[in-house]
């Protein structure tokens, strides 16, 4: 095992315990491989296995624990802890004021704001979150969120498959599972349960809504329990129902062929 204390380390490979101001190559490029324990200002490496502590700790492939002001890597397997803790692909635990996973998260993230996925112009993002997210303010997933998502203010994902609990609002384009918040909203499909003050399944609803106000689209089958229950497209006498409403799927009549 090597033990090194230096200002700048420019070697391509190192194994052992290292205390350094920084780890870079002579050309300023990331190092190929670091194994062991690193303590210092900045670490940039192609591969890192071990424990890294510094102002900035980043490696393309990280296996272990990284801690710093900015901590993470392209492919992080293990634990990342930092003011900003992020990766393209996380398999493990991320803890930070802001946690970021650009492509995929498998595990758990804890932060003030948790961001999964890139900002894209498409209706549905391509990111994927599988596991648990805990946020003081909010969880944002530009893609599919599978698991449990808890926040003080909001949860957003293109598609929810699991549980979303927040203090103010849950917004999903499609949801299969349970939404619990003051305001729950799905813009396309709901298959599951909404519990809150205001519940809205704008287009399609298959499940149960429990709240003060419940609203659903014309394509609905399930129960609404609340002070005001609304279904768009229903006959005037069934559009607004107080207390308890059973919504049945409406059958469309085939057009009569012309003779």
Protein backbone atom coordinates (compact mmCIF):
# COMPACT_ATOMS: atom_id res chain seq x y z
CA UNK A 1 0.00 0.00 0.00
CA UNK A 2 1.29 3.47 -0.92
CA UNK A 3 0.91 6.48 1.37
CA UNK A 4 1.45 9.82 -0.36
CA UNK A 5 1.30 13.46 0.73
CA UNK A 6 1.83 15.97 -2.08
CA UNK A 7 0.61 19.13 -3.74
CA UNK A 8 -0.43 17.88 -7.17
CA UNK A 9 -0.36 14.23 -8.22
CA UNK A 10 -0.10 13.61 -11.96
CA UNK A 11 0.38 9.86 -12.01
CA UNK A 12 -2.05 7.82 -14.06
CA UNK A 13 -2.56 5.12 -11.44
CA UNK A 14 -2.44 5.10 -7.68
CA UNK A 15 -3.43 2.64 -4.95
CA UNK A 16 -3.33 3.45 -1.28
CA UNK A 17 -3.86 6.50 0.92
CA UNK A 18 -3.31 9.88 -0.69
CA UNK A 19 -3.47 13.43 0.68
CA UNK A 20 -3.13 15.99 -2.10
CA UNK A 21 -4.24 19.41 -3.20
CA UNK A 22 -5.41 17.93 -6.47
CA UNK A 23 -5.15 14.93 -8.78
CA UNK A 24 -4.79 15.77 -12.46
CA UNK A 25 -2.53 14.77 -15.32
CA UNK A 26 0.15 17.02 -16.71
CA UNK A 27 -2.27 18.02 -19.49
CA UNK A 28 -5.09 18.73 -17.05
CA UNK A 29 -6.99 15.58 -18.03
CA UNK A 30 -8.66 13.13 -15.69
CA UNK A 31 -6.52 10.33 -14.33
CA UNK A 32 -7.12 6.74 -15.40
CA UNK A 33 -7.44 4.96 -12.06
CA UNK A 34 -7.38 5.72 -8.34
CA UNK A 35 -7.93 3.06 -5.68
CA UNK A 36 -7.97 3.68 -1.95
CA UNK A 37 -8.52 6.80 0.14
CA UNK A 38 -8.18 10.32 -1.26
CA UNK A 39 -8.27 13.49 0.87
CA UNK A 40 -7.68 16.82 -0.77
CA UNK A 41 -8.97 19.69 -2.84
CA UNK A 42 -10.05 18.05 -6.09
CA UNK A 43 -10.07 14.57 -7.55
CA UNK A 44 -10.71 13.88 -11.24
CA UNK A 45 -10.32 10.32 -12.42
CA UNK A 46 -11.60 7.90 -15.03
CA UNK A 47 -12.09 5.24 -12.37
CA UNK A 48 -12.21 5.58 -8.60
CA UNK A 49 -12.71 2.89 -5.99
CA UNK A 50 -12.61 3.72 -2.32
CA UNK A 51 -13.30 6.82 -0.23
CA UNK A 52 -12.85 10.30 -1.64
CA UNK A 53 -13.12 13.51 0.41
CA UNK A 54 -12.54 16.94 -1.13
CA UNK A 55 -13.98 20.19 -2.42
CA UNK A 56 -14.73 18.43 -5.71
CA UNK A 57 -14.67 14.68 -6.16
CA UNK A 58 -15.62 13.37 -9.59
CA UNK A 59 -14.92 10.23 -11.58
CA UNK A 60 -16.54 8.66 -14.61
CA UNK A 61 -16.83 5.34 -12.80
CA UNK A 62 -17.06 5.55 -9.03
CA UNK A 63 -17.31 2.61 -6.65
CA UNK A 64 -17.39 3.60 -3.02
CA UNK A 65 -18.03 6.78 -1.06
CA UNK A 66 -17.43 10.32 -2.31
CA UNK A 67 -17.90 13.43 -0.17
CA UNK A 68 -17.34 17.05 -1.12
CA UNK A 69 -18.80 20.37 -2.12
CA UNK A 70 -19.51 18.74 -5.47
CA UNK A 71 -19.55 14.95 -5.38
CA UNK A 72 -20.47 12.34 -7.92
CA UNK A 73 -19.56 10.82 -11.27
CA UNK A 74 -21.01 9.54 -14.51
CA UNK A 75 -21.62 6.09 -13.03
CA UNK A 76 -21.84 6.08 -9.23
CA UNK A 77 -22.23 2.85 -7.30
CA UNK A 78 -22.17 3.59 -3.60
CA UNK A 79 -22.74 6.80 -1.65
CA UNK A 80 -22.43 10.41 -2.76
CA UNK A 81 -22.58 13.23 -0.21
CA UNK A 82 -22.18 16.89 -1.12
CA UNK A 83 -23.70 20.33 -1.42
CA UNK A 84 -24.40 19.19 -4.98
CA UNK A 85 -24.34 15.42 -5.30
CA UNK A 86 -24.99 14.02 -8.73
CA UNK A 87 -24.35 11.45 -11.42
CA UNK A 88 -25.67 10.27 -14.74
CA UNK A 89 -26.49 6.85 -13.32
CA UNK A 90 -26.83 6.29 -9.57
CA UNK A 91 -26.97 2.90 -7.90
CA UNK A 92 -26.92 3.58 -4.20
CA UNK A 93 -27.48 6.67 -2.06
CA UNK A 94 -27.20 10.37 -2.87
CA UNK A 95 -27.35 13.00 -0.11
CA UNK A 96 -27.07 16.73 -0.74
CA UNK A 97 -28.71 20.12 -0.73
CA UNK A 98 -29.38 19.39 -4.40
CA UNK A 99 -29.15 15.84 -5.74
CA UNK A 100 -29.03 15.25 -9.46
CA UNK A 101 -29.28 12.12 -11.61
CA UNK A 102 -29.36 12.89 -15.32
CA UNK A 103 -30.37 9.48 -16.65
CA UNK A 104 -31.19 6.85 -14.05
CA UNK A 105 -31.52 6.48 -10.27
CA UNK A 106 -31.69 3.11 -8.55
CA UNK A 107 -31.64 3.48 -4.80
CA UNK A 108 -32.40 6.49 -2.62
CA UNK A 109 -31.83 10.23 -2.72
CA UNK A 110 -32.17 12.71 0.13
CA UNK A 111 -31.98 16.47 -0.36
CA UNK A 112 -33.71 19.81 -0.30
CA UNK A 113 -34.44 19.41 -4.02
CA UNK A 114 -34.00 16.14 -5.92
CA UNK A 115 -33.76 16.33 -9.71
CA UNK A 116 -33.90 13.27 -11.96
CA UNK A 117 -33.53 13.65 -15.71
CA UNK A 118 -32.49 16.23 -18.27
CA UNK A 119 -34.62 19.14 -19.40
CA UNK A 120 -36.17 18.01 -22.67
CA UNK A 121 -38.81 19.45 -24.95
CA UNK A 122 -40.57 16.12 -25.45
CA UNK A 123 -43.83 15.47 -23.60
CA UNK A 124 -42.29 12.56 -21.71
CA UNK A 125 -38.74 12.54 -20.43
CA UNK A 126 -36.54 9.48 -20.74
CA UNK A 127 -35.11 9.43 -17.21
CA UNK A 128 -35.95 6.65 -14.77
CA UNK A 129 -36.12 6.70 -10.98
CA UNK A 130 -36.48 3.46 -9.02
CA UNK A 131 -36.43 3.56 -5.26
CA UNK A 132 -37.14 6.32 -2.77
CA UNK A 133 -36.80 10.08 -2.81
CA UNK A 134 -37.03 12.31 0.27
CA UNK A 135 -36.96 16.09 -0.18
CA UNK A 136 -37.55 19.13 2.00
CA UNK A 137 -38.93 21.08 -0.95
CA UNK A 138 -39.54 18.84 -3.94
CA UNK A 139 -38.84 15.81 -6.11
CA UNK A 140 -38.71 16.32 -9.88
CA UNK A 141 -38.45 13.38 -12.29
CA UNK A 142 -38.52 14.06 -16.02
CA UNK A 143 -39.51 10.50 -16.84
CA UNK A 144 -40.81 7.44 -15.00
CA UNK A 145 -40.83 7.39 -11.19
CA UNK A 146 -41.24 3.98 -9.54
CA UNK A 147 -41.25 3.72 -5.77
CA UNK A 148 -41.96 6.16 -2.92
CA UNK A 149 -41.57 9.93 -3.27
CA UNK A 150 -41.96 12.14 -0.20
CA UNK A 151 -41.55 15.91 -0.08
CA UNK A 152 -42.52 18.94 1.93
CA UNK A 153 -43.89 20.89 -1.04
CA UNK A 154 -44.22 19.06 -4.38
CA UNK A 155 -43.66 15.88 -6.39
CA UNK A 156 -43.56 15.83 -10.17
CA UNK A 157 -42.96 13.04 -12.65
CA UNK A 158 -44.06 12.28 -16.18
CA UNK A 159 -45.28 8.87 -15.01
CA UNK A 160 -45.77 7.70 -11.42
CA UNK A 161 -45.82 4.04 -10.47
CA UNK A 162 -45.99 3.95 -6.69
CA UNK A 163 -46.60 6.44 -3.88
CA UNK A 164 -46.31 10.23 -3.94
CA UNK A 165 -46.81 12.23 -0.73
CA UNK A 166 -46.28 15.98 -0.47
CA UNK A 167 -47.39 18.96 1.57
CA UNK A 168 -48.75 21.09 -1.28
CA UNK A 169 -49.08 19.35 -4.66
CA UNK A 170 -48.49 16.18 -6.67
CA UNK A 171 -48.51 16.51 -10.45
CA UNK A 172 -48.21 13.59 -12.86
CA UNK A 173 -49.14 13.13 -16.47
CA UNK A 174 -49.94 9.50 -15.74
CA UNK A 175 -50.20 7.84 -12.34
CA UNK A 176 -50.61 4.25 -11.24
CA UNK A 177 -50.61 4.14 -7.47
CA UNK A 178 -51.43 6.62 -4.70
CA UNK A 179 -51.21 10.41 -4.56
CA UNK A 180 -51.54 12.15 -1.18
CA UNK A 181 -51.36 15.96 -0.95
CA UNK A 182 -53.39 19.13 -0.60
CA UNK A 183 -53.65 19.13 -4.41
CA UNK A 184 -53.38 16.01 -6.59
CA UNK A 185 -53.47 16.31 -10.36
CA UNK A 186 -53.06 13.93 -13.30
CA UNK A 187 -53.29 15.39 -16.78
CA UNK A 188 -53.84 12.10 -18.61
CA UNK A 189 -54.43 8.77 -16.83
CA UNK A 190 -55.09 7.86 -13.20
CA UNK A 191 -55.17 4.24 -12.09
CA UNK A 192 -55.26 4.26 -8.32
CA UNK A 193 -56.16 6.59 -5.47
CA UNK A 194 -56.04 10.33 -4.88
CA UNK A 195 -56.36 11.62 -1.31
CA UNK A 196 -56.30 15.34 -0.64
CA UNK A 197 -58.17 18.61 -0.53
CA UNK A 198 -58.45 18.95 -4.32
CA UNK A 199 -58.17 15.89 -6.58
CA UNK A 200 -58.27 16.13 -10.35
CA UNK A 201 -57.93 13.37 -12.96
CA UNK A 202 -58.39 15.45 -16.07
CA UNK A 203 -58.78 12.79 -18.77
CA UNK A 204 -59.09 9.16 -17.67
CA UNK A 205 -59.81 7.92 -14.14
CA UNK A 206 -59.89 4.34 -12.88
CA UNK A 207 -59.94 4.29 -9.11
CA UNK A 208 -60.94 6.36 -6.09
CA UNK A 209 -60.83 10.05 -5.27
CA UNK A 210 -61.21 11.16 -1.64
CA UNK A 211 -61.21 14.88 -0.87
CA UNK A 212 -63.17 18.12 -0.55
CA UNK A 213 -63.35 18.55 -4.32
CA UNK A 214 -62.97 15.67 -6.76
CA UNK A 215 -62.93 16.16 -10.49
CA UNK A 216 -62.55 13.71 -13.35
CA UNK A 217 -62.90 13.56 -17.10
CA UNK A 218 -65.65 11.92 -19.09
CA UNK A 219 -63.70 8.65 -19.31
CA UNK A 220 -64.09 7.61 -15.67
CA UNK A 221 -64.88 4.47 -13.71
CA UNK A 222 -64.62 4.41 -9.93
CA UNK A 223 -65.66 6.28 -6.79
CA UNK A 224 -65.61 9.91 -5.77
CA UNK A 225 -66.07 10.73 -2.09
CA UNK A 226 -66.12 14.40 -1.14
CA UNK A 227 -68.10 17.57 -0.58
CA UNK A 228 -68.23 18.24 -4.34
CA UNK A 229 -67.77 15.53 -6.97
CA UNK A 230 -67.56 16.62 -10.59
CA UNK A 231 -67.43 14.69 -13.86
CA UNK A 232 -67.06 16.51 -17.14
CA UNK A 233 -69.25 15.37 -20.00
CA UNK A 234 -71.83 13.74 -17.72
CA UNK A 235 -75.57 14.51 -18.00
CA UNK A 236 -76.54 17.70 -16.15
CA UNK A 237 -78.11 15.78 -13.27
CA UNK A 238 -74.94 13.69 -12.68
CA UNK A 239 -72.26 16.24 -13.46
CA UNK A 240 -72.02 17.59 -9.90
CA UNK A 241 -72.84 15.20 -7.06
CA UNK A 242 -72.28 15.97 -3.36
CA UNK A 243 -71.07 13.36 -0.90
CA UNK A 244 -70.67 10.13 -2.83
CA UNK A 245 -70.60 9.43 -6.55
CA UNK A 246 -70.22 6.18 -8.45
CA UNK A 247 -68.75 6.80 -11.86
CA UNK A 248 -69.33 4.11 -14.46
CA UNK A 249 -67.54 3.86 -17.75
CA UNK A 250 -69.76 5.22 -20.45
CA UNK A 251 -70.31 3.01 -23.47
CA UNK A 252 -70.10 4.70 -26.80
CA UNK A 253 -72.84 3.79 -29.24
CA UNK A 254 -71.85 2.60 -32.66
CA UNK A 255 -73.08 4.89 -35.44
CA UNK A 256 -76.16 3.74 -37.29
CA UNK A 257 -75.25 2.74 -40.83
CA UNK A 258 -76.88 4.76 -43.53
CA UNK A 259 -79.28 2.89 -45.81
